[in-house]
Amino acid sequence: MILVNTDYISGKNLEMLTIVKGSTIQSKHVGKDIASGFKTLVGGELTAYNEMMNEARAIATKRMVAEAEALGADAVVNIRYASSAIMQGAAEVIAYGTAVKFV
């Protein structure tokens, strides 16, 4: 499966199938959430949240790819990510793109 954030793949003619997406809602352990809260007082990177978002993007991408594979797609083009806070310490991440077959 080829994954790109462009609307084309060099050297390939594409037949567009449909939009595909994958999403997840992730949260951090309350202890890490409290520790990150203290970190906001002094500044710096919130590594626990960085890890949470990286994991969420990976899960969302995997689910998007599974949806594309179920359609018989060869690739997903024009991939985008979006996130939103659901509640303090939890975020939804969605990955979406266009499933395509090579012609």
PDB file of N, CA and C in Angstrom:
ATOM      1  N   MET A   1       0.859  -1.174   0.000  1.00  0.00           N
ATOM      2  CA  MET A   1       0.000   0.000   0.000  1.00  0.00           C
ATOM      3  C   MET A   1       0.900   1.230   0.000  1.00  0.00           C
ATOM      4  N   ILE A   2       0.668   2.096  -0.976  1.00  0.00           N
ATOM      5  CA  ILE A   2       1.406   3.352  -1.060  1.00  0.00           C
ATOM      6  C   ILE A   2       0.563   4.442  -0.392  1.00  0.00           C
ATOM      7  N   LEU A   3       1.183   5.217   0.481  1.00  0.00           N
ATOM      8  CA  LEU A   3       0.507   6.304   1.182  1.00  0.00           C
ATOM      9  C   LEU A   3       1.239   7.604   0.878  1.00  0.00           C
ATOM     10  N   VAL A   4       0.513   8.582   0.322  1.00  0.00           N
ATOM     11  CA  VAL A   4       1.126   9.872  -0.005  1.00  0.00           C
ATOM     12  C   VAL A   4       0.171  11.006   0.363  1.00  0.00           C
ATOM     13  N   ASN A   5       0.743  12.187   0.580  1.00  0.00           N
ATOM     14  CA  ASN A   5      -0.101  13.345   0.859  1.00  0.00           C
ATOM     15  C   ASN A   5      -0.260  14.241  -0.365  1.00  0.00           C
ATOM     16  N   THR A   6       0.137  13.732  -1.538  1.00  0.00           N
ATOM     17  CA  THR A   6      -0.103  14.439  -2.793  1.00  0.00           C
ATOM     18  C   THR A   6      -1.337  13.825  -3.454  1.00  0.00           C
ATOM     19  N   ASP A   7      -1.874  14.500  -4.473  1.00  0.00           N
ATOM     20  CA  ASP A   7      -3.059  13.956  -5.138  1.00  0.00           C
ATOM     21  C   ASP A   7      -2.694  13.115  -6.359  1.00  0.00           C
ATOM     22  N   TYR A   8      -1.430  12.735  -6.476  1.00  0.00           N
ATOM     23  CA  TYR A   8      -0.968  11.905  -7.588  1.00  0.00           C
ATOM     24  C   TYR A   8       0.202  11.048  -7.108  1.00  0.00           C
ATOM     25  N   ILE A   9       0.541  10.033  -7.905  1.00  0.00           N
ATOM     26  CA  ILE A   9       1.736   9.226  -7.689  1.00  0.00           C
ATOM     27  C   ILE A   9       2.469   9.214  -9.021  1.00  0.00           C
ATOM     28  N   SER A  10       3.675   9.698  -9.042  1.00  0.00           N
ATOM     29  CA  SER A  10       4.445   9.820 -10.282  1.00  0.00           C
ATOM     30  C   SER A  10       4.465   8.497 -11.043  1.00  0.00           C
ATOM     31  N   GLY A  11       4.166   8.582 -12.336  1.00  0.00           N
ATOM     32  CA  GLY A  11       4.224   7.422 -13.203  1.00  0.00           C
ATOM     33  C   GLY A  11       3.036   6.489 -13.112  1.00  0.00           C
ATOM     34  N   LYS A  12       2.019   6.834 -12.338  1.00  0.00           N
ATOM     35  CA  LYS A  12       0.848   5.968 -12.172  1.00  0.00           C
ATOM     36  C   LYS A  12      -0.409   6.696 -12.630  1.00  0.00           C
ATOM     37  N   ASN A  13      -1.251   5.973 -13.355  1.00  0.00           N
ATOM     38  CA  ASN A  13      -2.596   6.468 -13.662  1.00  0.00           C
ATOM     39  C   ASN A  13      -3.521   5.921 -12.584  1.00  0.00           C
ATOM     40  N   LEU A  14      -4.320   6.796 -12.015  1.00  0.00           N
ATOM     41  CA  LEU A  14      -5.127   6.415 -10.859  1.00  0.00           C
ATOM     42  C   LEU A  14      -6.614   6.407 -11.171  1.00  0.00           C
ATOM     43  N   GLU A  15      -7.281   5.400 -10.664  1.00  0.00           N
ATOM     44  CA  GLU A  15      -8.743   5.357 -10.665  1.00  0.00           C
ATOM     45  C   GLU A  15      -9.173   5.602  -9.223  1.00  0.00           C
ATOM     46  N   MET A  16      -9.882   6.681  -8.996  1.00  0.00           N
ATOM     47  CA  MET A  16     -10.288   7.012  -7.636  1.00  0.00           C
ATOM     48  C   MET A  16     -11.464   6.139  -7.223  1.00  0.00           C
ATOM     49  N   LEU A  17     -11.390   5.610  -6.005  1.00  0.00           N
ATOM     50  CA  LEU A  17     -12.453   4.758  -5.481  1.00  0.00           C
ATOM     51  C   LEU A  17     -13.389   5.555  -4.581  1.00  0.00           C
ATOM     52  N   THR A  18     -12.909   5.938  -3.430  1.00  0.00           N
ATOM     53  CA  THR A  18     -13.723   6.688  -2.474  1.00  0.00           C
ATOM     54  C   THR A  18     -12.827   7.209  -1.349  1.00  0.00           C
ATOM     55  N   ILE A  19     -13.377   8.049  -0.530  1.00  0.00           N
ATOM     56  CA  ILE A  19     -12.642   8.535   0.630  1.00  0.00           C
ATOM     57  C   ILE A  19     -12.594   7.411   1.675  1.00  0.00           C
ATOM     58  N   VAL A  20     -11.456   7.303   2.343  1.00  0.00           N
ATOM     59  CA  VAL A  20     -11.296   6.338   3.428  1.00  0.00           C
ATOM     60  C   VAL A  20     -10.791   7.093   4.645  1.00  0.00           C
ATOM     61  N   LYS A  21     -11.106   6.551   5.816  1.00  0.00           N
ATOM     62  CA  LYS A  21     -10.677   7.220   7.036  1.00  0.00           C
ATOM     63  C   LYS A  21     -10.452   6.206   8.139  1.00  0.00           C
ATOM     64  N   GLY A  22      -9.717   6.636   9.117  1.00  0.00           N
ATOM     65  CA  GLY A  22      -9.503   5.867  10.334  1.00  0.00           C
ATOM     66  C   GLY A  22      -9.394   6.846  11.473  1.00  0.00           C
ATOM     67  N   SER A  23      -9.910   6.462  12.636  1.00  0.00           N
ATOM     68  CA  SER A  23      -9.833   7.391  13.762  1.00  0.00           C
ATOM     69  C   SER A  23      -9.653   6.628  15.062  1.00  0.00           C
ATOM     70  N   THR A  24      -9.236   7.355  16.070  1.00  0.00           N
ATOM     71  CA  THR A  24      -9.105   6.816  17.413  1.00  0.00           C
ATOM     72  C   THR A  24      -9.233   7.964  18.407  1.00  0.00           C
ATOM     73  N   ILE A  25      -9.607   7.631  19.608  1.00  0.00           N
ATOM     74  CA  ILE A  25      -9.613   8.595  20.712  1.00  0.00           C
ATOM     75  C   ILE A  25      -8.662   8.044  21.761  1.00  0.00           C
ATOM     76  N   GLN A  26      -7.674   8.837  22.117  1.00  0.00           N
ATOM     77  CA  GLN A  26      -6.636   8.412  23.046  1.00  0.00           C
ATOM     78  C   GLN A  26      -6.643   9.308  24.286  1.00  0.00           C
ATOM     79  N   SER A  27      -6.254   8.710  25.404  1.00  0.00           N
ATOM     80  CA  SER A  27      -6.060   9.494  26.623  1.00  0.00           C
ATOM     81  C   SER A  27      -4.817   8.973  27.326  1.00  0.00           C
ATOM     82  N   LYS A  28      -4.325   9.772  28.244  1.00  0.00           N
ATOM     83  CA  LYS A  28      -3.147   9.393  29.015  1.00  0.00           C
ATOM     84  C   LYS A  28      -3.563   8.995  30.423  1.00  0.00           C
ATOM     85  N   HIS A  29      -2.742   8.165  31.024  1.00  0.00           N
ATOM     86  CA  HIS A  29      -2.925   7.754  32.409  1.00  0.00           C
ATOM     87  C   HIS A  29      -2.983   8.996  33.297  1.00  0.00           C
ATOM     88  N   VAL A  30      -3.848   8.989  34.288  1.00  0.00           N
ATOM     89  CA  VAL A  30      -4.057  10.173  35.127  1.00  0.00           C
ATOM     90  C   VAL A  30      -2.749  10.650  35.776  1.00  0.00           C
ATOM     91  N   GLY A  31      -1.860   9.735  36.142  1.00  0.00           N
ATOM     92  CA  GLY A  31      -0.572  10.136  36.732  1.00  0.00           C
ATOM     93  C   GLY A  31       0.263  10.942  35.760  1.00  0.00           C
ATOM     94  N   LYS A  32       0.296  10.498  34.489  1.00  0.00           N
ATOM     95  CA  LYS A  32       1.050  11.235  33.478  1.00  0.00           C
ATOM     96  C   LYS A  32       0.360  12.559  33.168  1.00  0.00           C
ATOM     97  N   ASP A  33      -0.958  12.586  33.258  1.00  0.00           N
ATOM     98  CA  ASP A  33      -1.697  13.820  33.025  1.00  0.00           C
ATOM     99  C   ASP A  33      -1.354  14.852  34.103  1.00  0.00           C
ATOM    100  N   ILE A  34      -1.279  14.414  35.331  1.00  0.00           N
ATOM    101  CA  ILE A  34      -0.922  15.325  36.435  1.00  0.00           C
ATOM    102  C   ILE A  34       0.522  15.811  36.269  1.00  0.00           C
ATOM    103  N   ALA A  35       1.417  14.902  35.918  1.00  0.00           N
ATOM    104  CA  ALA A  35       2.821  15.284  35.714  1.00  0.00           C
ATOM    105  C   ALA A  35       2.941  16.298  34.581  1.00  0.00           C
ATOM    106  N   SER A  36       2.173  16.098  33.516  1.00  0.00           N
ATOM    107  CA  SER A  36       2.200  17.053  32.401  1.00  0.00           C
ATOM    108  C   SER A  36       1.629  18.398  32.830  1.00  0.00           C
ATOM    109  N   GLY A  37       0.646  18.382  33.713  1.00  0.00           N
ATOM    110  CA  GLY A  37       0.090  19.626  34.240  1.00  0.00           C
ATOM    111  C   GLY A  37       1.139  20.441  34.969  1.00  0.00           C
ATOM    112  N   PHE A  38       1.971  19.769  35.751  1.00  0.00           N
ATOM    113  CA  PHE A  38       3.063  20.466  36.436  1.00  0.00           C
ATOM    114  C   PHE A  38       4.071  21.012  35.435  1.00  0.00           C
ATOM    115  N   LYS A  39       4.303  20.278  34.359  1.00  0.00           N
ATOM    116  CA  LYS A  39       5.266  20.702  33.337  1.00  0.00           C
ATOM    117  C   LYS A  39       4.831  22.024  32.696  1.00  0.00           C
ATOM    118  N   THR A  40       3.528  22.253  32.610  1.00  0.00           N
ATOM    119  CA  THR A  40       3.059  23.502  31.995  1.00  0.00           C
ATOM    120  C   THR A  40       3.456  24.719  32.829  1.00  0.00           C
ATOM    121  N   LEU A  41       3.751  24.507  34.095  1.00  0.00           N
ATOM    122  CA  LEU A  41       4.167  25.622  34.953  1.00  0.00           C
ATOM    123  C   LEU A  41       5.567  26.114  34.605  1.00  0.00           C
ATOM    124  N   VAL A  42       6.443  25.198  34.177  1.00  0.00           N
ATOM    125  CA  VAL A  42       7.825  25.573  33.894  1.00  0.00           C
ATOM    126  C   VAL A  42       8.137  25.620  32.404  1.00  0.00           C
ATOM    127  N   GLY A  43       7.246  25.075  31.595  1.00  0.00           N
ATOM    128  CA  GLY A  43       7.437  25.075  30.147  1.00  0.00           C
ATOM    129  C   GLY A  43       8.215  23.865  29.675  1.00  0.00           C
ATOM    130  N   GLY A  44       8.219  23.692  28.384  1.00  0.00           N
ATOM    131  CA  GLY A  44       8.941  22.576  27.778  1.00  0.00           C
ATOM    132  C   GLY A  44       7.992  21.618  27.087  1.00  0.00           C
ATOM    133  N   GLU A  45       8.581  20.619  26.462  1.00  0.00           N
ATOM    134  CA  GLU A  45       7.798  19.639  25.709  1.00  0.00           C
ATOM    135  C   GLU A  45       7.058  18.698  26.646  1.00  0.00           C
ATOM    136  N   LEU A  46       5.814  18.433  26.317  1.00  0.00           N
ATOM    137  CA  LEU A  46       5.001  17.490  27.077  1.00  0.00           C
ATOM    138  C   LEU A  46       5.127  16.123  26.407  1.00  0.00           C
ATOM    139  N   THR A  47       6.177  15.397  26.763  1.00  0.00           N
ATOM    140  CA  THR A  47       6.508  14.161  26.050  1.00  0.00           C
ATOM    141  C   THR A  47       5.414  13.106  26.158  1.00  0.00           C
ATOM    142  N   ALA A  48       4.708  13.045  27.279  1.00  0.00           N
ATOM    143  CA  ALA A  48       3.636  12.054  27.421  1.00  0.00           C
ATOM    144  C   ALA A  48       2.545  12.303  26.383  1.00  0.00           C
ATOM    145  N   TYR A  49       2.213  13.576  26.148  1.00  0.00           N
ATOM    146  CA  TYR A  49       1.191  13.902  25.149  1.00  0.00           C
ATOM    147  C   TYR A  49       1.730  13.722  23.735  1.00  0.00           C
ATOM    148  N   ASN A  50       3.002  14.010  23.537  1.00  0.00           N
ATOM    149  CA  ASN A  50       3.625  13.791  22.233  1.00  0.00           C
ATOM    150  C   ASN A  50       3.543  12.308  21.864  1.00  0.00           C
ATOM    151  N   GLU A  51       3.883  11.448  22.815  1.00  0.00           N
ATOM    152  CA  GLU A  51       3.798  10.000  22.598  1.00  0.00           C
ATOM    153  C   GLU A  51       2.359   9.575  22.333  1.00  0.00           C
ATOM    154  N   MET A  52       1.422  10.137  23.086  1.00  0.00           N
ATOM    155  CA  MET A  52       0.008   9.804  22.904  1.00  0.00           C
ATOM    156  C   MET A  52      -0.452  10.152  21.493  1.00  0.00           C
ATOM    157  N   MET A  53      -0.080  11.325  21.010  1.00  0.00           N
ATOM    158  CA  MET A  53      -0.516  11.753  19.677  1.00  0.00           C
ATOM    159  C   MET A  53       0.164  10.936  18.578  1.00  0.00           C
ATOM    160  N   ASN A  54       1.440  10.602  18.752  1.00  0.00           N
ATOM    161  CA  ASN A  54       2.122   9.743  17.774  1.00  0.00           C
ATOM    162  C   ASN A  54       1.450   8.381  17.688  1.00  0.00           C
ATOM    163  N   GLU A  55       1.111   7.817  18.835  1.00  0.00           N
ATOM    164  CA  GLU A  55       0.423   6.527  18.861  1.00  0.00           C
ATOM    165  C   GLU A  55      -0.957   6.640  18.212  1.00  0.00           C
ATOM    166  N   ALA A  56      -1.668   7.715  18.502  1.00  0.00           N
ATOM    167  CA  ALA A  56      -2.995   7.913  17.927  1.00  0.00           C
ATOM    168  C   ALA A  56      -2.929   8.044  16.410  1.00  0.00           C
ATOM    169  N   ARG A  57      -1.948   8.798  15.890  1.00  0.00           N
ATOM    170  CA  ARG A  57      -1.792   8.920  14.429  1.00  0.00           C
ATOM    171  C   ARG A  57      -1.499   7.570  13.791  1.00  0.00           C
ATOM    172  N   ALA A  58      -0.663   6.750  14.444  1.00  0.00           N
ATOM    173  CA  ALA A  58      -0.333   5.428  13.911  1.00  0.00           C
ATOM    174  C   ALA A  58      -1.572   4.527  13.869  1.00  0.00           C
ATOM    175  N   ILE A  59      -2.371   4.553  14.909  1.00  0.00           N
ATOM    176  CA  ILE A  59      -3.592   3.744  14.945  1.00  0.00           C
ATOM    177  C   ILE A  59      -4.578   4.215  13.883  1.00  0.00           C
ATOM    178  N   ALA A  60      -4.774   5.522  13.783  1.00  0.00           N
ATOM    179  CA  ALA A  60      -5.706   6.070  12.790  1.00  0.00           C
ATOM    180  C   ALA A  60      -5.261   5.715  11.374  1.00  0.00           C
ATOM    181  N   THR A  61      -3.946   5.810  11.114  1.00  0.00           N
ATOM    182  CA  THR A  61      -3.423   5.464   9.793  1.00  0.00           C
ATOM    183  C   THR A  61      -3.651   3.986   9.496  1.00  0.00           C
ATOM    184  N   LYS A  62      -3.386   3.135  10.463  1.00  0.00           N
ATOM    185  CA  LYS A  62      -3.585   1.690  10.286  1.00  0.00           C
ATOM    186  C   LYS A  62      -5.048   1.389   9.953  1.00  0.00           C
ATOM    187  N   ARG A  63      -5.964   2.035  10.628  1.00  0.00           N
ATOM    188  CA  ARG A  63      -7.394   1.810  10.363  1.00  0.00           C
ATOM    189  C   ARG A  63      -7.804   2.332   8.990  1.00  0.00           C
ATOM    190  N   MET A  64      -7.235   3.458   8.573  1.00  0.00           N
ATOM    191  CA  MET A  64      -7.508   3.990   7.240  1.00  0.00           C
ATOM    192  C   MET A  64      -7.014   3.015   6.172  1.00  0.00           C
ATOM    193  N   VAL A  65      -5.797   2.492   6.355  1.00  0.00           N
ATOM    194  CA  VAL A  65      -5.224   1.543   5.406  1.00  0.00           C
ATOM    195  C   VAL A  65      -6.080   0.279   5.337  1.00  0.00           C
ATOM    196  N   ALA A  66      -6.551  -0.213   6.474  1.00  0.00           N
ATOM    197  CA  ALA A  66      -7.398  -1.408   6.491  1.00  0.00           C
ATOM    198  C   ALA A  66      -8.673  -1.177   5.684  1.00  0.00           C
ATOM    199  N   GLU A  67      -9.255   0.002   5.807  1.00  0.00           N
ATOM    200  CA  GLU A  67     -10.464   0.334   5.041  1.00  0.00           C
ATOM    201  C   GLU A  67     -10.155   0.366   3.542  1.00  0.00           C
ATOM    202  N   ALA A  68      -9.004   0.937   3.178  1.00  0.00           N
ATOM    203  CA  ALA A  68      -8.606   0.997   1.766  1.00  0.00           C
ATOM    204  C   ALA A  68      -8.332  -0.404   1.219  1.00  0.00           C
ATOM    205  N   GLU A  69      -7.656  -1.227   1.995  1.00  0.00           N
ATOM    206  CA  GLU A  69      -7.370  -2.592   1.550  1.00  0.00           C
ATOM    207  C   GLU A  69      -8.643  -3.397   1.341  1.00  0.00           C
ATOM    208  N   ALA A  70      -9.643  -3.177   2.180  1.00  0.00           N
ATOM    209  CA  ALA A  70     -10.925  -3.871   2.033  1.00  0.00           C
ATOM    210  C   ALA A  70     -11.613  -3.509   0.725  1.00  0.00           C
ATOM    211  N   LEU A  71     -11.298  -2.344   0.188  1.00  0.00           N
ATOM    212  CA  LEU A  71     -11.856  -1.897  -1.093  1.00  0.00           C
ATOM    213  C   LEU A  71     -11.019  -2.371  -2.283  1.00  0.00           C
ATOM    214  N   GLY A  72      -9.875  -3.006  -2.000  1.00  0.00           N
ATOM    215  CA  GLY A  72      -8.980  -3.437  -3.062  1.00  0.00           C
ATOM    216  C   GLY A  72      -8.094  -2.327  -3.593  1.00  0.00           C
ATOM    217  N   ALA A  73      -7.898  -1.288  -2.815  1.00  0.00           N
ATOM    218  CA  ALA A  73      -7.088  -0.144  -3.247  1.00  0.00           C
ATOM    219  C   ALA A  73      -5.607  -0.510  -3.291  1.00  0.00           C
ATOM    220  N   ASP A  74      -4.893   0.168  -4.182  1.00  0.00           N
ATOM    221  CA  ASP A  74      -3.445   0.019  -4.279  1.00  0.00           C
ATOM    222  C   ASP A  74      -2.712   1.104  -3.493  1.00  0.00           C
ATOM    223  N   ALA A  75      -3.405   2.211  -3.242  1.00  0.00           N
ATOM    224  CA  ALA A  75      -2.768   3.344  -2.571  1.00  0.00           C
ATOM    225  C   ALA A  75      -3.837   4.237  -1.957  1.00  0.00           C
ATOM    226  N   VAL A  76      -3.377   5.129  -1.085  1.00  0.00           N
ATOM    227  CA  VAL A  76      -4.224   6.206  -0.568  1.00  0.00           C
ATOM    228  C   VAL A  76      -3.484   7.502  -0.850  1.00  0.00           C
ATOM    229  N   VAL A  77      -4.144   8.411  -1.549  1.00  0.00           N
ATOM    230  CA  VAL A  77      -3.529   9.694  -1.899  1.00  0.00           C
ATOM    231  C   VAL A  77      -4.196  10.819  -1.118  1.00  0.00           C
ATOM    232  N   ASN A  78      -3.521  11.952  -1.105  1.00  0.00           N
ATOM    233  CA  ASN A  78      -4.037  13.162  -0.472  1.00  0.00           C
ATOM    234  C   ASN A  78      -4.393  12.931   1.007  1.00  0.00           C
ATOM    235  N   ILE A  79      -3.502  12.240   1.711  1.00  0.00           N
ATOM    236  CA  ILE A  79      -3.746  11.914   3.119  1.00  0.00           C
ATOM    237  C   ILE A  79      -3.635  13.169   3.978  1.00  0.00           C
ATOM    238  N   ARG A  80      -4.557  13.291   4.895  1.00  0.00           N
ATOM    239  CA  ARG A  80      -4.578  14.409   5.838  1.00  0.00           C
ATOM    240  C   ARG A  80      -4.860  13.866   7.243  1.00  0.00           C
ATOM    241  N   TYR A  81      -4.444  14.617   8.228  1.00  0.00           N
ATOM    242  CA  TYR A  81      -4.708  14.291   9.625  1.00  0.00           C
ATOM    243  C   TYR A  81      -5.411  15.475  10.278  1.00  0.00           C
ATOM    244  N   ALA A  82      -6.287  15.171  11.202  1.00  0.00           N
ATOM    245  CA  ALA A  82      -6.944  16.210  11.990  1.00  0.00           C
ATOM    246  C   ALA A  82      -7.068  15.684  13.415  1.00  0.00           C
ATOM    247  N   SER A  83      -7.079  16.593  14.357  1.00  0.00           N
ATOM    248  CA  SER A  83      -7.257  16.191  15.752  1.00  0.00           C
ATOM    249  C   SER A  83      -8.127  17.202  16.461  1.00  0.00           C
ATOM    250  N   SER A  84      -8.759  16.733  17.510  1.00  0.00           N
ATOM    251  CA  SER A  84      -9.572  17.631  18.331  1.00  0.00           C
ATOM    252  C   SER A  84      -9.581  17.112  19.760  1.00  0.00           C
ATOM    253  N   ALA A  85      -9.664  18.017  20.690  1.00  0.00           N
ATOM    254  CA  ALA A  85      -9.733  17.647  22.096  1.00  0.00           C
ATOM    255  C   ALA A  85     -11.151  17.174  22.407  1.00  0.00           C
ATOM    256  N   ILE A  86     -11.262  16.037  23.024  1.00  0.00           N
ATOM    257  CA  ILE A  86     -12.558  15.500  23.428  1.00  0.00           C
ATOM    258  C   ILE A  86     -12.854  15.944  24.857  1.00  0.00           C
ATOM    259  N   MET A  87     -11.831  15.875  25.684  1.00  0.00           N
ATOM    260  CA  MET A  87     -11.884  16.341  27.068  1.00  0.00           C
ATOM    261  C   MET A  87     -10.444  16.556  27.492  1.00  0.00           C
ATOM    262  N   GLN A  88     -10.223  17.107  28.658  1.00  0.00           N
ATOM    263  CA  GLN A  88      -8.850  17.336  29.080  1.00  0.00           C
ATOM    264  C   GLN A  88      -8.112  16.004  29.159  1.00  0.00           C
ATOM    265  N   GLY A  89      -6.990  15.933  28.468  1.00  0.00           N
ATOM    266  CA  GLY A  89      -6.181  14.727  28.489  1.00  0.00           C
ATOM    267  C   GLY A  89      -6.570  13.684  27.463  1.00  0.00           C
ATOM    268  N   ALA A  90      -7.581  13.959  26.631  1.00  0.00           N
ATOM    269  CA  ALA A  90      -7.999  12.999  25.603  1.00  0.00           C
ATOM    270  C   ALA A  90      -8.197  13.733  24.286  1.00  0.00           C
ATOM    271  N   ALA A  91      -7.799  13.068  23.203  1.00  0.00           N
ATOM    272  CA  ALA A  91      -7.908  13.685  21.887  1.00  0.00           C
ATOM    273  C   ALA A  91      -8.339  12.648  20.861  1.00  0.00           C
ATOM    274  N   GLU A  92      -9.109  13.103  19.881  1.00  0.00           N
ATOM    275  CA  GLU A  92      -9.452  12.268  18.737  1.00  0.00           C
ATOM    276  C   GLU A  92      -8.504  12.633  17.609  1.00  0.00           C
ATOM    277  N   VAL A  93      -8.007  11.622  16.927  1.00  0.00           N
ATOM    278  CA  VAL A  93      -7.191  11.825  15.733  1.00  0.00           C
ATOM    279  C   VAL A  93      -7.863  11.074  14.602  1.00  0.00           C
ATOM    280  N   ILE A  94      -7.997  11.728  13.462  1.00  0.00           N
ATOM    281  CA  ILE A  94      -8.546  11.093  12.278  1.00  0.00           C
ATOM    282  C   ILE A  94      -7.550  11.237  11.136  1.00  0.00           C
ATOM    283  N   ALA A  95      -7.379  10.155  10.404  1.00  0.00           N
ATOM    284  CA  ALA A  95      -6.562  10.143   9.181  1.00  0.00           C
ATOM    285  C   ALA A  95      -7.541   9.872   8.044  1.00  0.00           C
ATOM    286  N   TYR A  96      -7.430  10.641   6.956  1.00  0.00           N
ATOM    287  CA  TYR A  96      -8.331  10.424   5.828  1.00  0.00           C
ATOM    288  C   TYR A  96      -7.623  10.725   4.522  1.00  0.00           C
ATOM    289  N   GLY A  97      -8.106  10.097   3.467  1.00  0.00           N
ATOM    290  CA  GLY A  97      -7.521  10.284   2.160  1.00  0.00           C
ATOM    291  C   GLY A  97      -8.408   9.627   1.115  1.00  0.00           C
ATOM    292  N   THR A  98      -7.938   9.586  -0.118  1.00  0.00           N
ATOM    293  CA  THR A  98      -8.687   8.996  -1.227  1.00  0.00           C
ATOM    294  C   THR A  98      -8.056   7.664  -1.607  1.00  0.00           C
ATOM    295  N   ALA A  99      -8.837   6.596  -1.528  1.00  0.00           N
ATOM    296  CA  ALA A  99      -8.368   5.277  -1.948  1.00  0.00           C
ATOM    297  C   ALA A  99      -8.373   5.232  -3.478  1.00  0.00           C
ATOM    298  N   VAL A 100      -7.299   4.686  -4.055  1.00  0.00           N
ATOM    299  CA  VAL A 100      -7.175   4.619  -5.513  1.00  0.00           C
ATOM    300  C   VAL A 100      -6.663   3.244  -5.932  1.00  0.00           C
ATOM    301  N   LYS A 101      -6.988   2.897  -7.169  1.00  0.00           N
ATOM    302  CA  LYS A 101      -6.426   1.704  -7.816  1.00  0.00           C
ATOM    303  C   LYS A 101      -5.561   2.179  -8.975  1.00  0.00           C
ATOM    304  N   PHE A 102      -4.519   1.418  -9.290  1.00  0.00           N
ATOM    305  CA  PHE A 102      -3.689   1.727 -10.433  1.00  0.00           C
ATOM    306  C   PHE A 102      -4.373   1.209 -11.700  1.00  0.00           C
ATOM    307  N   VAL A 103      -4.367   2.037 -12.732  1.00  0.00           N
ATOM    308  CA  VAL A 103      -4.989   1.659 -14.004  1.00  0.00           C
ATOM    309  C   VAL A 103      -3.909   1.147 -14.932  1.00  0.00           C
TER     310      VAL A 103
END
